[in-house]
Amino acid sequence: MTWEQYAEHLEENLQELHRRLHQGAYRARPSRRVYIPKADGRQRPLGIASLEDKGVQRAVGEVLNAIYEPDFLGFSYGFRPGRSQH
């Protein structure tokens, strides 16, 4: 399913996704495996998440950032929003 197809019935799709998440019925789909050629002739595997999985991952990340960001010290960088190791 493409973003355009999902957006045609966006409100209904999001309500259904919300219902499945709250009922514990949501199951992540397996990632699509694509192989990218490397310069030396080998191929590197790349996993592509489904459209709904990307949305769920983003929402979970936002919630976890809101919960744990206040606990980090000012000199902690890692993968924090608006910060880098440089």
PDB file of N, CA and C in Angstrom:
ATOM      1  N   MET A   1       0.848  -1.172   0.000  1.00  0.00           N
ATOM      2  CA  MET A   1       0.000   0.000   0.000  1.00  0.00           C
ATOM      3  C   MET A   1       0.898   1.241   0.000  1.00  0.00           C
ATOM      4  N   THR A   2       0.543   2.212  -0.786  1.00  0.00           N
ATOM      5  CA  THR A   2       1.316   3.445  -0.861  1.00  0.00           C
ATOM      6  C   THR A   2       0.741   4.485   0.097  1.00  0.00           C
ATOM      7  N   TRP A   3       1.512   5.561   0.321  1.00  0.00           N
ATOM      8  CA  TRP A   3       1.033   6.655   1.164  1.00  0.00           C
ATOM      9  C   TRP A   3      -0.240   7.258   0.586  1.00  0.00           C
ATOM     10  N   GLU A   4      -0.293   7.374  -0.742  1.00  0.00           N
ATOM     11  CA  GLU A   4      -1.474   7.963  -1.385  1.00  0.00           C
ATOM     12  C   GLU A   4      -2.714   7.101  -1.152  1.00  0.00           C
ATOM     13  N   GLN A   5      -2.562   5.787  -1.278  1.00  0.00           N
ATOM     14  CA  GLN A   5      -3.690   4.883  -1.050  1.00  0.00           C
ATOM     15  C   GLN A   5      -4.136   4.933   0.409  1.00  0.00           C
ATOM     16  N   TYR A   6      -3.179   4.968   1.316  1.00  0.00           N
ATOM     17  CA  TYR A   6      -3.510   5.020   2.739  1.00  0.00           C
ATOM     18  C   TYR A   6      -4.210   6.333   3.083  1.00  0.00           C
ATOM     19  N   ALA A   7      -3.792   7.421   2.432  1.00  0.00           N
ATOM     20  CA  ALA A   7      -4.347   8.746   2.716  1.00  0.00           C
ATOM     21  C   ALA A   7      -5.766   8.918   2.181  1.00  0.00           C
ATOM     22  N   GLU A   8      -6.184   8.097   1.208  1.00  0.00           N
ATOM     23  CA  GLU A   8      -7.539   8.210   0.664  1.00  0.00           C
ATOM     24  C   GLU A   8      -8.593   8.017   1.752  1.00  0.00           C
ATOM     25  N   HIS A   9      -8.315   7.120   2.690  1.00  0.00           N
ATOM     26  CA  HIS A   9      -9.230   6.866   3.813  1.00  0.00           C
ATOM     27  C   HIS A   9      -8.439   7.004   5.112  1.00  0.00           C
ATOM     28  N   LEU A  10      -7.738   8.104   5.233  1.00  0.00           N
ATOM     29  CA  LEU A  10      -6.798   8.296   6.332  1.00  0.00           C
ATOM     30  C   LEU A  10      -7.453   8.175   7.699  1.00  0.00           C
ATOM     31  N   GLU A  11      -8.552   8.879   7.908  1.00  0.00           N
ATOM     32  CA  GLU A  11      -9.202   8.867   9.230  1.00  0.00           C
ATOM     33  C   GLU A  11      -9.640   7.461   9.632  1.00  0.00           C
ATOM     34  N   GLU A  12     -10.252   6.736   8.701  1.00  0.00           N
ATOM     35  CA  GLU A  12     -10.699   5.372   9.003  1.00  0.00           C
ATOM     36  C   GLU A  12      -9.503   4.451   9.256  1.00  0.00           C
ATOM     37  N   ASN A  13      -8.445   4.604   8.443  1.00  0.00           N
ATOM     38  CA  ASN A  13      -7.260   3.759   8.612  1.00  0.00           C
ATOM     39  C   ASN A  13      -6.594   4.005   9.962  1.00  0.00           C
ATOM     40  N   LEU A  14      -6.486   5.256  10.363  1.00  0.00           N
ATOM     41  CA  LEU A  14      -5.868   5.569  11.648  1.00  0.00           C
ATOM     42  C   LEU A  14      -6.711   5.096  12.822  1.00  0.00           C
ATOM     43  N   GLN A  15      -8.031   5.217  12.703  1.00  0.00           N
ATOM     44  CA  GLN A  15      -8.907   4.721  13.766  1.00  0.00           C
ATOM     45  C   GLN A  15      -8.804   3.206  13.897  1.00  0.00           C
ATOM     46  N   GLU A  16      -8.711   2.514  12.771  1.00  0.00           N
ATOM     47  CA  GLU A  16      -8.568   1.053  12.801  1.00  0.00           C
ATOM     48  C   GLU A  16      -7.214   0.657  13.390  1.00  0.00           C
ATOM     49  N   LEU A  17      -6.164   1.364  13.022  1.00  0.00           N
ATOM     50  CA  LEU A  17      -4.837   1.099  13.586  1.00  0.00           C
ATOM     51  C   LEU A  17      -4.846   1.348  15.095  1.00  0.00           C
ATOM     52  N   HIS A  18      -5.465   2.432  15.512  1.00  0.00           N
ATOM     53  CA  HIS A  18      -5.577   2.759  16.938  1.00  0.00           C
ATOM     54  C   HIS A  18      -6.327   1.661  17.684  1.00  0.00           C
ATOM     55  N   ARG A  19      -7.411   1.180  17.116  1.00  0.00           N
ATOM     56  CA  ARG A  19      -8.194   0.114  17.742  1.00  0.00           C
ATOM     57  C   ARG A  19      -7.345  -1.148  17.905  1.00  0.00           C
ATOM     58  N   ARG A  20      -6.628  -1.538  16.843  1.00  0.00           N
ATOM     59  CA  ARG A  20      -5.798  -2.748  16.911  1.00  0.00           C
ATOM     60  C   ARG A  20      -4.674  -2.612  17.934  1.00  0.00           C
ATOM     61  N   LEU A  21      -4.083  -1.427  18.028  1.00  0.00           N
ATOM     62  CA  LEU A  21      -3.017  -1.215  19.011  1.00  0.00           C
ATOM     63  C   LEU A  21      -3.547  -1.349  20.433  1.00  0.00           C
ATOM     64  N   HIS A  22      -4.703  -0.744  20.701  1.00  0.00           N
ATOM     65  CA  HIS A  22      -5.264  -0.781  22.057  1.00  0.00           C
ATOM     66  C   HIS A  22      -5.779  -2.157  22.439  1.00  0.00           C
ATOM     67  N   GLN A  23      -6.216  -2.936  21.480  1.00  0.00           N
ATOM     68  CA  GLN A  23      -6.704  -4.287  21.775  1.00  0.00           C
ATOM     69  C   GLN A  23      -5.586  -5.313  21.813  1.00  0.00           C
ATOM     70  N   GLY A  24      -4.385  -4.910  21.427  1.00  0.00           N
ATOM     71  CA  GLY A  24      -3.278  -5.853  21.384  1.00  0.00           C
ATOM     72  C   GLY A  24      -3.329  -6.755  20.168  1.00  0.00           C
ATOM     73  N   ALA A  25      -4.115  -6.375  19.173  1.00  0.00           N
ATOM     74  CA  ALA A  25      -4.279  -7.191  17.973  1.00  0.00           C
ATOM     75  C   ALA A  25      -3.326  -6.783  16.855  1.00  0.00           C
ATOM     76  N   TYR A  26      -2.584  -5.704  17.047  1.00  0.00           N
ATOM     77  CA  TYR A  26      -1.673  -5.243  15.997  1.00  0.00           C
ATOM     78  C   TYR A  26      -0.467  -6.158  15.941  1.00  0.00           C
ATOM     79  N   ARG A  27      -0.127  -6.593  14.752  1.00  0.00           N
ATOM     80  CA  ARG A  27       1.057  -7.405  14.533  1.00  0.00           C
ATOM     81  C   ARG A  27       1.879  -6.745  13.428  1.00  0.00           C
ATOM     82  N   ALA A  28       3.133  -6.497  13.725  1.00  0.00           N
ATOM     83  CA  ALA A  28       4.007  -5.882  12.717  1.00  0.00           C
ATOM     84  C   ALA A  28       4.210  -6.848  11.562  1.00  0.00           C
ATOM     85  N   ARG A  29       4.190  -6.314  10.351  1.00  0.00           N
ATOM     86  CA  ARG A  29       4.428  -7.133   9.174  1.00  0.00           C
ATOM     87  C   ARG A  29       5.929  -7.362   9.016  1.00  0.00           C
ATOM     88  N   PRO A  30       6.320  -8.459   8.412  1.00  0.00           N
ATOM     89  CA  PRO A  30       7.749  -8.672   8.158  1.00  0.00           C
ATOM     90  C   PRO A  30       8.287  -7.586   7.228  1.00  0.00           C
ATOM     91  N   SER A  31       9.518  -7.187   7.455  1.00  0.00           N
ATOM     92  CA  SER A  31      10.140  -6.179   6.601  1.00  0.00           C
ATOM     93  C   SER A  31      10.383  -6.765   5.210  1.00  0.00           C
ATOM     94  N   ARG A  32      10.211  -5.915   4.216  1.00  0.00           N
ATOM     95  CA  ARG A  32      10.520  -6.329   2.851  1.00  0.00           C
ATOM     96  C   ARG A  32      12.030  -6.275   2.693  1.00  0.00           C
ATOM     97  N   ARG A  33      12.609  -7.310   2.146  1.00  0.00           N
ATOM     98  CA  ARG A  33      14.056  -7.389   2.006  1.00  0.00           C
ATOM     99  C   ARG A  33      14.456  -6.990   0.587  1.00  0.00           C
ATOM    100  N   VAL A  34      15.338  -6.011   0.506  1.00  0.00           N
ATOM    101  CA  VAL A  34      15.860  -5.530  -0.770  1.00  0.00           C
ATOM    102  C   VAL A  34      17.377  -5.575  -0.662  1.00  0.00           C
ATOM    103  N   TYR A  35      18.043  -5.938  -1.731  1.00  0.00           N
ATOM    104  CA  TYR A  35      19.500  -6.008  -1.729  1.00  0.00           C
ATOM    105  C   TYR A  35      20.077  -4.888  -2.580  1.00  0.00           C
ATOM    106  N   ILE A  36      21.008  -4.142  -1.996  1.00  0.00           N
ATOM    107  CA  ILE A  36      21.640  -3.011  -2.662  1.00  0.00           C
ATOM    108  C   ILE A  36      23.048  -3.429  -3.075  1.00  0.00           C
ATOM    109  N   PRO A  37      23.417  -3.230  -4.335  1.00  0.00           N
ATOM    110  CA  PRO A  37      24.773  -3.613  -4.751  1.00  0.00           C
ATOM    111  C   PRO A  37      25.833  -2.712  -4.108  1.00  0.00           C
ATOM    112  N   LYS A  38      26.938  -3.340  -3.719  1.00  0.00           N
ATOM    113  CA  LYS A  38      28.062  -2.602  -3.159  1.00  0.00           C
ATOM    114  C   LYS A  38      29.141  -2.453  -4.221  1.00  0.00           C
ATOM    115  N   ALA A  39      30.115  -1.599  -3.974  1.00  0.00           N
ATOM    116  CA  ALA A  39      31.179  -1.323  -4.941  1.00  0.00           C
ATOM    117  C   ALA A  39      32.020  -2.565  -5.249  1.00  0.00           C
ATOM    118  N   ASP A  40      32.157  -3.457  -4.263  1.00  0.00           N
ATOM    119  CA  ASP A  40      32.992  -4.639  -4.476  1.00  0.00           C
ATOM    120  C   ASP A  40      32.236  -5.803  -5.117  1.00  0.00           C
ATOM    121  N   GLY A  41      31.004  -5.581  -5.547  1.00  0.00           N
ATOM    122  CA  GLY A  41      30.228  -6.620  -6.222  1.00  0.00           C
ATOM    123  C   GLY A  41      29.285  -7.390  -5.314  1.00  0.00           C
ATOM    124  N   ARG A  42      29.499  -7.320  -4.006  1.00  0.00           N
ATOM    125  CA  ARG A  42      28.580  -7.998  -3.087  1.00  0.00           C
ATOM    126  C   ARG A  42      27.305  -7.178  -2.954  1.00  0.00           C
ATOM    127  N   GLN A  43      26.342  -7.736  -2.223  1.00  0.00           N
ATOM    128  CA  GLN A  43      25.090  -7.016  -2.015  1.00  0.00           C
ATOM    129  C   GLN A  43      24.846  -6.840  -0.531  1.00  0.00           C
ATOM    130  N   ARG A  44      24.307  -5.675  -0.176  1.00  0.00           N
ATOM    131  CA  ARG A  44      23.982  -5.369   1.213  1.00  0.00           C
ATOM    132  C   ARG A  44      22.483  -5.479   1.396  1.00  0.00           C
ATOM    133  N   PRO A  45      22.025  -6.255   2.395  1.00  0.00           N
ATOM    134  CA  PRO A  45      20.577  -6.378   2.621  1.00  0.00           C
ATOM    135  C   PRO A  45      20.019  -5.119   3.280  1.00  0.00           C
ATOM    136  N   LEU A  46      18.834  -4.764   2.883  1.00  0.00           N
ATOM    137  CA  LEU A  46      18.144  -3.605   3.441  1.00  0.00           C
ATOM    138  C   LEU A  46      16.720  -4.031   3.763  1.00  0.00           C
ATOM    139  N   GLY A  47      16.273  -3.810   5.004  1.00  0.00           N
ATOM    140  CA  GLY A  47      14.905  -4.137   5.405  1.00  0.00           C
ATOM    141  C   GLY A  47      14.028  -2.900   5.337  1.00  0.00           C
ATOM    142  N   ILE A  48      12.921  -2.992   4.628  1.00  0.00           N
ATOM    143  CA  ILE A  48      12.002  -1.863   4.480  1.00  0.00           C
ATOM    144  C   ILE A  48      10.717  -2.185   5.240  1.00  0.00           C
ATOM    145  N   ALA A  49      10.414  -1.365   6.242  1.00  0.00           N
ATOM    146  CA  ALA A  49       9.218  -1.580   7.059  1.00  0.00           C
ATOM    147  C   ALA A  49       7.964  -1.175   6.282  1.00  0.00           C
ATOM    148  N   SER A  50       6.836  -1.776   6.661  1.00  0.00           N
ATOM    149  CA  SER A  50       5.574  -1.425   6.012  1.00  0.00           C
ATOM    150  C   SER A  50       5.130  -0.033   6.463  1.00  0.00           C
ATOM    151  N   LEU A  51       4.187   0.513   5.759  1.00  0.00           N
ATOM    152  CA  LEU A  51       3.714   1.872   6.014  1.00  0.00           C
ATOM    153  C   LEU A  51       3.193   2.039   7.439  1.00  0.00           C
ATOM    154  N   GLU A  52       2.327   1.141   7.881  1.00  0.00           N
ATOM    155  CA  GLU A  52       1.781   1.253   9.236  1.00  0.00           C
ATOM    156  C   GLU A  52       2.864   1.047  10.285  1.00  0.00           C
ATOM    157  N   ASP A  53       3.814   0.149  10.022  1.00  0.00           N
ATOM    158  CA  ASP A  53       4.896  -0.078  10.977  1.00  0.00           C
ATOM    159  C   ASP A  53       5.721   1.189  11.173  1.00  0.00           C
ATOM    160  N   LYS A  54       5.966   1.916  10.085  1.00  0.00           N
ATOM    161  CA  LYS A  54       6.713   3.161  10.196  1.00  0.00           C
ATOM    162  C   LYS A  54       5.978   4.165  11.089  1.00  0.00           C
ATOM    163  N   GLY A  55       4.674   4.242  10.930  1.00  0.00           N
ATOM    164  CA  GLY A  55       3.878   5.152  11.750  1.00  0.00           C
ATOM    165  C   GLY A  55       3.882   4.759  13.212  1.00  0.00           C
ATOM    166  N   VAL A  56       3.738   3.466  13.477  1.00  0.00           N
ATOM    167  CA  VAL A  56       3.735   2.975  14.858  1.00  0.00           C
ATOM    168  C   VAL A  56       5.102   3.214  15.491  1.00  0.00           C
ATOM    169  N   GLN A  57       6.180   2.930  14.755  1.00  0.00           N
ATOM    170  CA  GLN A  57       7.522   3.140  15.285  1.00  0.00           C
ATOM    171  C   GLN A  57       7.752   4.610  15.627  1.00  0.00           C
ATOM    172  N   ARG A  58       7.288   5.485  14.769  1.00  0.00           N
ATOM    173  CA  ARG A  58       7.453   6.923  15.011  1.00  0.00           C
ATOM    174  C   ARG A  58       6.683   7.359  16.259  1.00  0.00           C
ATOM    175  N   ALA A  59       5.440   6.873  16.396  1.00  0.00           N
ATOM    176  CA  ALA A  59       4.620   7.241  17.552  1.00  0.00           C
ATOM    177  C   ALA A  59       5.224   6.713  18.850  1.00  0.00           C
ATOM    178  N   VAL A  60       5.715   5.488  18.843  1.00  0.00           N
ATOM    179  CA  VAL A  60       6.335   4.915  20.037  1.00  0.00           C
ATOM    180  C   VAL A  60       7.592   5.707  20.397  1.00  0.00           C
ATOM    181  N   GLY A  61       8.373   6.092  19.392  1.00  0.00           N
ATOM    182  CA  GLY A  61       9.565   6.899  19.641  1.00  0.00           C
ATOM    183  C   GLY A  61       9.230   8.230  20.278  1.00  0.00           C
ATOM    184  N   GLU A  62       8.161   8.874  19.803  1.00  0.00           N
ATOM    185  CA  GLU A  62       7.736  10.157  20.373  1.00  0.00           C
ATOM    186  C   GLU A  62       7.334   9.998  21.840  1.00  0.00           C
ATOM    187  N   VAL A  63       6.584   8.953  22.134  1.00  0.00           N
ATOM    188  CA  VAL A  63       6.138   8.716  23.516  1.00  0.00           C
ATOM    189  C   VAL A  63       7.334   8.430  24.416  1.00  0.00           C
ATOM    190  N   LEU A  64       8.240   7.554  23.961  1.00  0.00           N
ATOM    191  CA  LEU A  64       9.399   7.214  24.785  1.00  0.00           C
ATOM    192  C   LEU A  64      10.327   8.419  24.982  1.00  0.00           C
ATOM    193  N   ASN A  65      10.483   9.251  23.958  1.00  0.00           N
ATOM    194  CA  ASN A  65      11.287  10.466  24.119  1.00  0.00           C
ATOM    195  C   ASN A  65      10.679  11.387  25.168  1.00  0.00           C
ATOM    196  N   ALA A  66       9.360  11.532  25.134  1.00  0.00           N
ATOM    197  CA  ALA A  66       8.688  12.395  26.106  1.00  0.00           C
ATOM    198  C   ALA A  66       8.853  11.862  27.528  1.00  0.00           C
ATOM    199  N   ILE A  67       8.894  10.558  27.683  1.00  0.00           N
ATOM    200  CA  ILE A  67       9.026   9.959  29.017  1.00  0.00           C
ATOM    201  C   ILE A  67      10.457  10.057  29.528  1.00  0.00           C
ATOM    202  N   TYR A  68      11.438   9.688  28.686  1.00  0.00           N
ATOM    203  CA  TYR A  68      12.804   9.528  29.169  1.00  0.00           C
ATOM    204  C   TYR A  68      13.717  10.727  28.957  1.00  0.00           C
ATOM    205  N   GLU A  69      13.375  11.656  28.094  1.00  0.00           N
ATOM    206  CA  GLU A  69      14.252  12.803  27.827  1.00  0.00           C
ATOM    207  C   GLU A  69      14.587  13.599  29.087  1.00  0.00           C
ATOM    208  N   PRO A  70      13.643  13.843  29.994  1.00  0.00           N
ATOM    209  CA  PRO A  70      13.994  14.612  31.207  1.00  0.00           C
ATOM    210  C   PRO A  70      15.013  13.906  32.107  1.00  0.00           C
ATOM    211  N   ASP A  71      15.148  12.583  31.993  1.00  0.00           N
ATOM    212  CA  ASP A  71      16.075  11.837  32.845  1.00  0.00           C
ATOM    213  C   ASP A  71      17.521  11.912  32.379  1.00  0.00           C
ATOM    214  N   PHE A  72      17.759  12.299  31.109  1.00  0.00           N
ATOM    215  CA  PHE A  72      19.121  12.352  30.599  1.00  0.00           C
ATOM    216  C   PHE A  72      19.836  13.592  31.110  1.00  0.00           C
ATOM    217  N   LEU A  73      21.108  13.463  31.333  1.00  0.00           N
ATOM    218  CA  LEU A  73      21.926  14.590  31.770  1.00  0.00           C
ATOM    219  C   LEU A  73      22.289  15.445  30.565  1.00  0.00           C
ATOM    220  N   GLY A  74      22.664  16.696  30.810  1.00  0.00           N
ATOM    221  CA  GLY A  74      22.967  17.630  29.740  1.00  0.00           C
ATOM    222  C   GLY A  74      24.125  17.221  28.865  1.00  0.00           C
ATOM    223  N   PHE A  75      25.058  16.412  29.385  1.00  0.00           N
ATOM    224  CA  PHE A  75      26.202  16.014  28.586  1.00  0.00           C
ATOM    225  C   PHE A  75      25.986  14.677  27.869  1.00  0.00           C
ATOM    226  N   SER A  76      24.783  14.099  27.966  1.00  0.00           N
ATOM    227  CA  SER A  76      24.455  12.873  27.244  1.00  0.00           C
ATOM    228  C   SER A  76      23.985  13.232  25.844  1.00  0.00           C
ATOM    229  N   TYR A  77      24.565  12.611  24.838  1.00  0.00           N
ATOM    230  CA  TYR A  77      24.208  12.966  23.468  1.00  0.00           C
ATOM    231  C   TYR A  77      23.546  11.802  22.742  1.00  0.00           C
ATOM    232  N   GLY A  78      24.270  10.807  22.311  1.00  0.00           N
ATOM    233  CA  GLY A  78      23.688   9.639  21.665  1.00  0.00           C
ATOM    234  C   GLY A  78      22.763   9.977  20.528  1.00  0.00           C
ATOM    235  N   PHE A  79      21.580   9.404  20.540  1.00  0.00           N
ATOM    236  CA  PHE A  79      20.578   9.623  19.478  1.00  0.00           C
ATOM    237  C   PHE A  79      19.447  10.517  19.964  1.00  0.00           C
ATOM    238  N   ARG A  80      19.775  11.501  20.756  1.00  0.00           N
ATOM    239  CA  ARG A  80      18.759  12.366  21.309  1.00  0.00           C
ATOM    240  C   ARG A  80      18.359  13.440  20.291  1.00  0.00           C
ATOM    241  N   PRO A  81      17.098  13.870  20.334  1.00  0.00           N
ATOM    242  CA  PRO A  81      16.631  14.895  19.399  1.00  0.00           C
ATOM    243  C   PRO A  81      17.401  16.202  19.570  1.00  0.00           C
ATOM    244  N   GLY A  82      17.835  16.774  18.455  1.00  0.00           N
ATOM    245  CA  GLY A  82      18.515  18.057  18.494  1.00  0.00           C
ATOM    246  C   GLY A  82      19.945  18.010  19.012  1.00  0.00           C
ATOM    247  N   ARG A  83      20.493  16.812  19.172  1.00  0.00           N
ATOM    248  CA  ARG A  83      21.851  16.678  19.690  1.00  0.00           C
ATOM    249  C   ARG A  83      22.642  15.741  18.782  1.00  0.00           C
ATOM    250  N   SER A  84      23.922  15.947  18.749  1.00  0.00           N
ATOM    251  CA  SER A  84      24.799  15.015  18.046  1.00  0.00           C
ATOM    252  C   SER A  84      26.089  14.872  18.838  1.00  0.00           C
ATOM    253  N   GLN A  85      26.907  13.954  18.456  1.00  0.00           N
ATOM    254  CA  GLN A  85      28.158  13.739  19.170  1.00  0.00           C
ATOM    255  C   GLN A  85      29.186  14.815  18.886  1.00  0.00           C
ATOM    256  N   HIS A  86      28.917  15.699  17.933  1.00  0.00           N
ATOM    257  CA  HIS A  86      29.881  16.745  17.578  1.00  0.00           C
ATOM    258  C   HIS A  86      29.518  17.995  18.329  1.00  0.00           C
TER     259      HIS A  86
END
